[in-house]
Amino acid sequence: MTDETIKGDCSVSLIRENEDGSADYEFNFPPEALAALTRLGILTAIQAGIAEAECLNPAEKKLPTKFTKQIKKLAEEAGFVLWDDEHWKPKGDVVDWAIKYDKELVKFYHLARRSND
């Protein structure tokens, strides 16, 4: 690297090259550019924080509701009773909800968590 300064409204100068391969630079900006960069940095940090916080409140985020083959497999593994081709089954239903499923829901939760890890 050469110790080169880019001149104009802004300047960047190499101060030193470090033993670990990194380098230290000096940036000089006019007040307007520094204010714009500061605003951009703050807005970017806020947007990143909002994006990360969305996972903390899934109720506001629309989640898919389609009963996929993967969900059916997990439900079956957890012990849910699934409808076959009985003529009395409610149209479009997969799980027979006429049974108490407290233990199965807990097992389903743990199976789903394990599949995400």
N, C-alpha and C. Protein backbone atom coordinates (compact mmCIF):
# COMPACT_ATOMS: atom_id res chain seq x y z
N MET A 1 0.83 -1.19 0.00
CA MET A 1 0.00 0.00 0.00
C MET A 1 0.87 1.24 0.00
N THR A 2 0.39 2.24 -0.63
CA THR A 2 1.11 3.50 -0.63
C THR A 2 0.37 4.49 0.24
N ASP A 3 1.09 5.44 0.77
CA ASP A 3 0.49 6.48 1.60
C ASP A 3 -0.09 7.53 0.66
N GLU A 4 -1.32 7.29 0.21
CA GLU A 4 -1.94 8.15 -0.77
C GLU A 4 -3.13 8.85 -0.16
N THR A 5 -3.27 10.12 -0.41
CA THR A 5 -4.40 10.89 0.07
C THR A 5 -5.27 11.25 -1.12
N ILE A 6 -6.57 10.96 -0.99
CA ILE A 6 -7.53 11.34 -2.02
C ILE A 6 -8.04 12.72 -1.64
N LYS A 7 -7.85 13.67 -2.52
CA LYS A 7 -8.23 15.04 -2.19
C LYS A 7 -9.54 15.42 -2.85
N GLY A 8 -10.18 16.39 -2.26
CA GLY A 8 -11.46 16.88 -2.74
C GLY A 8 -12.25 17.33 -1.53
N ASP A 9 -13.56 17.15 -1.58
CA ASP A 9 -14.38 17.52 -0.44
C ASP A 9 -14.11 16.63 0.76
N CYS A 10 -13.73 15.41 0.50
CA CYS A 10 -13.42 14.45 1.55
C CYS A 10 -12.01 13.93 1.31
N SER A 11 -11.38 13.43 2.36
CA SER A 11 -10.06 12.83 2.16
C SER A 11 -9.91 11.61 3.06
N VAL A 12 -9.13 10.67 2.55
CA VAL A 12 -8.81 9.45 3.28
C VAL A 12 -7.31 9.29 3.21
N SER A 13 -6.66 9.14 4.38
CA SER A 13 -5.20 9.00 4.42
C SER A 13 -4.83 7.75 5.20
N LEU A 14 -3.87 7.03 4.67
CA LEU A 14 -3.34 5.87 5.38
C LEU A 14 -2.44 6.37 6.51
N ILE A 15 -2.71 5.93 7.74
CA ILE A 15 -1.89 6.32 8.87
C ILE A 15 -0.77 5.30 9.05
N ARG A 16 -1.14 4.01 9.11
CA ARG A 16 -0.12 2.97 9.26
C ARG A 16 -0.72 1.62 8.87
N GLU A 17 0.19 0.72 8.47
CA GLU A 17 -0.19 -0.67 8.25
C GLU A 17 0.24 -1.45 9.48
N ASN A 18 -0.66 -2.28 9.99
CA ASN A 18 -0.39 -3.02 11.21
C ASN A 18 0.17 -4.40 10.91
N GLU A 19 0.84 -4.99 11.93
CA GLU A 19 1.46 -6.31 11.75
C GLU A 19 0.45 -7.40 11.43
N ASP A 20 -0.79 -7.25 11.89
CA ASP A 20 -1.81 -8.28 11.65
C ASP A 20 -2.44 -8.18 10.26
N GLY A 21 -1.96 -7.27 9.43
CA GLY A 21 -2.48 -7.11 8.08
C GLY A 21 -3.53 -6.03 7.94
N SER A 22 -4.02 -5.53 9.06
CA SER A 22 -4.99 -4.45 9.00
C SER A 22 -4.27 -3.12 8.80
N ALA A 23 -5.04 -2.08 8.62
CA ALA A 23 -4.45 -0.76 8.43
C ALA A 23 -5.33 0.27 9.13
N ASP A 24 -4.72 1.37 9.53
CA ASP A 24 -5.44 2.48 10.15
C ASP A 24 -5.47 3.64 9.17
N TYR A 25 -6.66 4.20 9.01
CA TYR A 25 -6.86 5.31 8.09
C TYR A 25 -7.43 6.50 8.83
N GLU A 26 -7.20 7.66 8.28
CA GLU A 26 -7.81 8.88 8.79
C GLU A 26 -8.80 9.37 7.72
N PHE A 27 -10.03 9.62 8.15
CA PHE A 27 -11.07 10.11 7.26
C PHE A 27 -11.39 11.55 7.63
N ASN A 28 -11.39 12.42 6.66
CA ASN A 28 -11.75 13.82 6.89
C ASN A 28 -12.94 14.16 5.99
N PHE A 29 -14.03 14.58 6.63
CA PHE A 29 -15.24 14.92 5.91
C PHE A 29 -15.70 16.30 6.32
N PRO A 30 -16.32 17.03 5.41
CA PRO A 30 -16.91 18.30 5.79
C PRO A 30 -18.11 18.03 6.71
N PRO A 31 -18.52 19.03 7.49
CA PRO A 31 -19.61 18.83 8.45
C PRO A 31 -20.88 18.24 7.84
N GLU A 32 -21.23 18.66 6.62
CA GLU A 32 -22.45 18.14 5.99
C GLU A 32 -22.34 16.65 5.71
N ALA A 33 -21.18 16.21 5.23
CA ALA A 33 -20.99 14.79 4.93
C ALA A 33 -20.96 13.98 6.23
N LEU A 34 -20.33 14.51 7.25
CA LEU A 34 -20.27 13.83 8.54
C LEU A 34 -21.68 13.69 9.14
N ALA A 35 -22.49 14.72 9.03
CA ALA A 35 -23.87 14.67 9.53
C ALA A 35 -24.68 13.63 8.75
N ALA A 36 -24.50 13.59 7.42
CA ALA A 36 -25.22 12.62 6.59
C ALA A 36 -24.80 11.19 6.94
N LEU A 37 -23.51 10.96 7.13
CA LEU A 37 -23.02 9.63 7.51
C LEU A 37 -23.53 9.22 8.89
N THR A 38 -23.59 10.17 9.80
CA THR A 38 -24.10 9.89 11.14
C THR A 38 -25.58 9.50 11.08
N ARG A 39 -26.38 10.25 10.31
CA ARG A 39 -27.79 9.92 10.15
C ARG A 39 -27.97 8.54 9.52
N LEU A 40 -27.17 8.26 8.51
CA LEU A 40 -27.23 6.96 7.85
C LEU A 40 -26.89 5.84 8.82
N GLY A 41 -25.86 6.04 9.64
CA GLY A 41 -25.48 5.03 10.62
C GLY A 41 -26.56 4.78 11.64
N ILE A 42 -27.19 5.85 12.12
CA ILE A 42 -28.26 5.72 13.11
C ILE A 42 -29.47 5.01 12.49
N LEU A 43 -29.87 5.40 11.29
CA LEU A 43 -31.00 4.76 10.63
C LEU A 43 -30.73 3.29 10.35
N THR A 44 -29.52 2.96 9.93
CA THR A 44 -29.15 1.57 9.67
C THR A 44 -29.22 0.75 10.95
N ALA A 45 -28.75 1.30 12.06
CA ALA A 45 -28.80 0.60 13.35
C ALA A 45 -30.24 0.39 13.80
N ILE A 46 -31.10 1.38 13.61
CA ILE A 46 -32.51 1.25 13.98
C ILE A 46 -33.18 0.17 13.13
N GLN A 47 -32.94 0.18 11.82
CA GLN A 47 -33.53 -0.83 10.94
C GLN A 47 -33.06 -2.23 11.31
N ALA A 48 -31.79 -2.39 11.64
CA ALA A 48 -31.27 -3.70 12.04
C ALA A 48 -31.92 -4.15 13.35
N GLY A 49 -32.10 -3.24 14.28
CA GLY A 49 -32.75 -3.57 15.54
C GLY A 49 -34.19 -3.98 15.36
N ILE A 50 -34.90 -3.29 14.49
CA ILE A 50 -36.30 -3.64 14.20
C ILE A 50 -36.37 -5.03 13.56
N ALA A 51 -35.50 -5.29 12.61
CA ALA A 51 -35.49 -6.59 11.94
C ALA A 51 -35.23 -7.72 12.94
N GLU A 52 -34.30 -7.52 13.85
CA GLU A 52 -34.00 -8.55 14.84
C GLU A 52 -35.12 -8.71 15.85
N ALA A 53 -35.81 -7.62 16.17
CA ALA A 53 -36.88 -7.67 17.17
C ALA A 53 -38.15 -8.32 16.63
N GLU A 54 -38.31 -8.39 15.30
CA GLU A 54 -39.52 -8.99 14.73
C GLU A 54 -39.71 -10.43 15.19
N CYS A 55 -38.62 -11.16 15.39
CA CYS A 55 -38.76 -12.55 15.81
C CYS A 55 -39.24 -12.65 17.26
N LEU A 56 -39.17 -11.58 18.02
CA LEU A 56 -39.61 -11.61 19.41
C LEU A 56 -41.12 -11.47 19.55
N ASN A 57 -41.79 -11.02 18.51
CA ASN A 57 -43.24 -10.85 18.56
C ASN A 57 -43.86 -11.50 17.32
N PRO A 58 -43.87 -12.84 17.26
CA PRO A 58 -44.38 -13.51 16.06
C PRO A 58 -45.87 -13.31 15.83
N ALA A 59 -46.61 -12.83 16.83
CA ALA A 59 -48.04 -12.63 16.66
C ALA A 59 -48.31 -11.56 15.59
N GLU A 60 -47.43 -10.60 15.46
CA GLU A 60 -47.61 -9.54 14.47
C GLU A 60 -47.21 -10.00 13.07
N LYS A 61 -46.41 -11.04 13.00
CA LYS A 61 -45.94 -11.53 11.71
C LYS A 61 -46.88 -12.64 11.24
N LYS A 62 -47.34 -12.56 10.02
CA LYS A 62 -48.22 -13.60 9.51
C LYS A 62 -47.41 -14.85 9.25
N LEU A 63 -47.80 -15.92 9.93
CA LEU A 63 -47.13 -17.19 9.76
C LEU A 63 -47.91 -18.06 8.78
N PRO A 64 -47.22 -18.95 8.06
CA PRO A 64 -47.93 -19.82 7.13
C PRO A 64 -48.87 -20.76 7.88
N THR A 65 -50.01 -21.09 7.29
CA THR A 65 -50.99 -21.94 7.95
C THR A 65 -51.24 -23.24 7.18
N LYS A 66 -50.51 -23.47 6.10
CA LYS A 66 -50.70 -24.68 5.32
C LYS A 66 -50.16 -25.88 6.09
N PHE A 67 -50.94 -26.96 6.13
CA PHE A 67 -50.56 -28.19 6.82
C PHE A 67 -49.70 -29.00 5.85
N THR A 68 -48.38 -28.85 5.94
CA THR A 68 -47.45 -29.49 5.00
C THR A 68 -47.19 -30.94 5.38
N LYS A 69 -46.53 -31.66 4.49
CA LYS A 69 -46.14 -33.05 4.76
C LYS A 69 -45.22 -33.13 5.97
N GLN A 70 -44.33 -32.15 6.11
CA GLN A 70 -43.40 -32.11 7.24
C GLN A 70 -44.16 -31.93 8.56
N ILE A 71 -45.15 -31.05 8.57
CA ILE A 71 -45.95 -30.84 9.78
C ILE A 71 -46.76 -32.10 10.09
N LYS A 72 -47.32 -32.72 9.06
CA LYS A 72 -48.09 -33.95 9.25
C LYS A 72 -47.19 -35.04 9.85
N LYS A 73 -45.97 -35.16 9.36
CA LYS A 73 -45.02 -36.16 9.87
C LYS A 73 -44.72 -35.91 11.35
N LEU A 74 -44.49 -34.64 11.71
CA LEU A 74 -44.24 -34.29 13.12
C LEU A 74 -45.46 -34.59 13.99
N ALA A 75 -46.65 -34.27 13.49
CA ALA A 75 -47.87 -34.53 14.25
C ALA A 75 -48.06 -36.02 14.48
N GLU A 76 -47.78 -36.80 13.44
CA GLU A 76 -47.90 -38.25 13.55
C GLU A 76 -46.88 -38.80 14.56
N GLU A 77 -45.64 -38.30 14.47
CA GLU A 77 -44.59 -38.73 15.39
C GLU A 77 -44.92 -38.35 16.83
N ALA A 78 -45.60 -37.22 17.01
CA ALA A 78 -45.97 -36.78 18.36
C ALA A 78 -47.14 -37.57 18.93
N GLY A 79 -47.86 -38.31 18.09
CA GLY A 79 -48.95 -39.13 18.58
C GLY A 79 -50.34 -38.61 18.29
N PHE A 80 -50.46 -37.57 17.46
CA PHE A 80 -51.78 -37.07 17.09
C PHE A 80 -52.50 -38.13 16.24
N VAL A 81 -53.81 -38.22 16.40
CA VAL A 81 -54.61 -39.12 15.57
C VAL A 81 -54.97 -38.34 14.31
N LEU A 82 -54.59 -38.89 13.16
CA LEU A 82 -54.83 -38.22 11.89
C LEU A 82 -55.99 -38.89 11.18
N TRP A 83 -56.74 -38.08 10.44
CA TRP A 83 -57.84 -38.60 9.65
C TRP A 83 -57.29 -39.41 8.48
N ASP A 84 -57.96 -40.50 8.18
CA ASP A 84 -57.66 -41.24 6.95
C ASP A 84 -58.69 -40.80 5.92
N ASP A 85 -59.32 -41.75 5.26
CA ASP A 85 -60.32 -41.40 4.25
C ASP A 85 -61.74 -41.65 4.75
N GLU A 86 -61.98 -41.50 6.05
CA GLU A 86 -63.32 -41.70 6.60
C GLU A 86 -64.29 -40.70 5.96
N HIS A 87 -65.47 -41.18 5.62
CA HIS A 87 -66.44 -40.31 4.95
C HIS A 87 -67.01 -39.25 5.90
N TRP A 88 -66.87 -39.44 7.22
CA TRP A 88 -67.42 -38.49 8.19
C TRP A 88 -66.40 -37.43 8.62
N LYS A 89 -65.17 -37.52 8.08
CA LYS A 89 -64.16 -36.52 8.49
C LYS A 89 -64.53 -35.15 7.94
N PRO A 90 -64.27 -34.10 8.70
CA PRO A 90 -64.52 -32.74 8.20
C PRO A 90 -63.64 -32.46 6.97
N LYS A 91 -64.21 -31.84 5.99
CA LYS A 91 -63.51 -31.57 4.73
C LYS A 91 -62.24 -30.74 4.98
N GLY A 92 -61.13 -31.25 4.47
CA GLY A 92 -59.86 -30.53 4.56
C GLY A 92 -59.09 -30.73 5.86
N ASP A 93 -59.69 -31.40 6.86
CA ASP A 93 -59.01 -31.60 8.14
C ASP A 93 -57.98 -32.72 8.03
N VAL A 94 -56.91 -32.59 8.80
CA VAL A 94 -55.86 -33.60 8.84
C VAL A 94 -55.83 -34.28 10.20
N VAL A 95 -55.94 -33.50 11.28
CA VAL A 95 -55.88 -34.03 12.64
C VAL A 95 -57.29 -34.15 13.20
N ASP A 96 -57.57 -35.27 13.87
CA ASP A 96 -58.85 -35.46 14.56
C ASP A 96 -58.72 -34.80 15.93
N TRP A 97 -59.35 -33.64 16.10
CA TRP A 97 -59.19 -32.86 17.33
C TRP A 97 -60.19 -33.25 18.42
N ALA A 98 -60.87 -34.38 18.26
CA ALA A 98 -61.86 -34.80 19.26
C ALA A 98 -61.19 -35.51 20.44
N ILE A 99 -59.88 -35.44 20.52
CA ILE A 99 -59.12 -36.13 21.56
C ILE A 99 -58.36 -35.10 22.38
N LYS A 100 -58.13 -35.40 23.67
CA LYS A 100 -57.32 -34.52 24.52
C LYS A 100 -55.85 -34.69 24.12
N TYR A 101 -55.21 -33.59 23.69
CA TYR A 101 -53.86 -33.67 23.14
C TYR A 101 -52.81 -32.92 23.96
N ASP A 102 -52.97 -32.77 25.24
CA ASP A 102 -52.00 -32.01 26.03
C ASP A 102 -50.59 -32.59 25.89
N LYS A 103 -50.42 -33.87 26.13
CA LYS A 103 -49.10 -34.50 26.06
C LYS A 103 -48.55 -34.45 24.64
N GLU A 104 -49.41 -34.69 23.66
CA GLU A 104 -48.97 -34.69 22.26
C GLU A 104 -48.52 -33.30 21.81
N LEU A 105 -49.21 -32.26 22.28
CA LEU A 105 -48.80 -30.89 21.93
C LEU A 105 -47.43 -30.57 22.50
N VAL A 106 -47.16 -31.02 23.73
CA VAL A 106 -45.85 -30.80 24.33
C VAL A 106 -44.79 -31.55 23.53
N LYS A 107 -45.07 -32.78 23.17
CA LYS A 107 -44.13 -33.57 22.39
C LYS A 107 -43.92 -32.93 21.01
N PHE A 108 -45.01 -32.46 20.39
CA PHE A 108 -44.93 -31.79 19.09
C PHE A 108 -44.01 -30.57 19.18
N TYR A 109 -44.17 -29.80 20.26
CA TYR A 109 -43.33 -28.62 20.48
C TYR A 109 -41.85 -29.01 20.50
N HIS A 110 -41.52 -30.03 21.26
CA HIS A 110 -40.12 -30.44 21.39
C HIS A 110 -39.58 -31.02 20.07
N LEU A 111 -40.41 -31.75 19.36
CA LEU A 111 -39.98 -32.26 18.05
C LEU A 111 -39.73 -31.12 17.07
N ALA A 112 -40.61 -30.13 17.07
CA ALA A 112 -40.45 -28.98 16.16
C ALA A 112 -39.21 -28.19 16.53
N ARG A 113 -38.96 -27.98 17.81
CA ARG A 113 -37.74 -27.26 18.24
C ARG A 113 -36.50 -28.03 17.83
N ARG A 114 -36.53 -29.34 18.00
CA ARG A 114 -35.37 -30.16 17.65
C ARG A 114 -35.10 -30.09 16.14
N SER A 115 -36.14 -30.04 15.33
CA SER A 115 -35.94 -29.98 13.88
C SER A 115 -35.40 -28.63 13.43
N ASN A 116 -35.52 -27.59 14.26
CA ASN A 116 -34.98 -26.26 13.93
C ASN A 116 -33.56 -26.07 14.42
N ASP A 117 -33.09 -26.91 15.32
CA ASP A 117 -31.73 -26.76 15.87
C ASP A 117 -30.69 -27.38 14.97
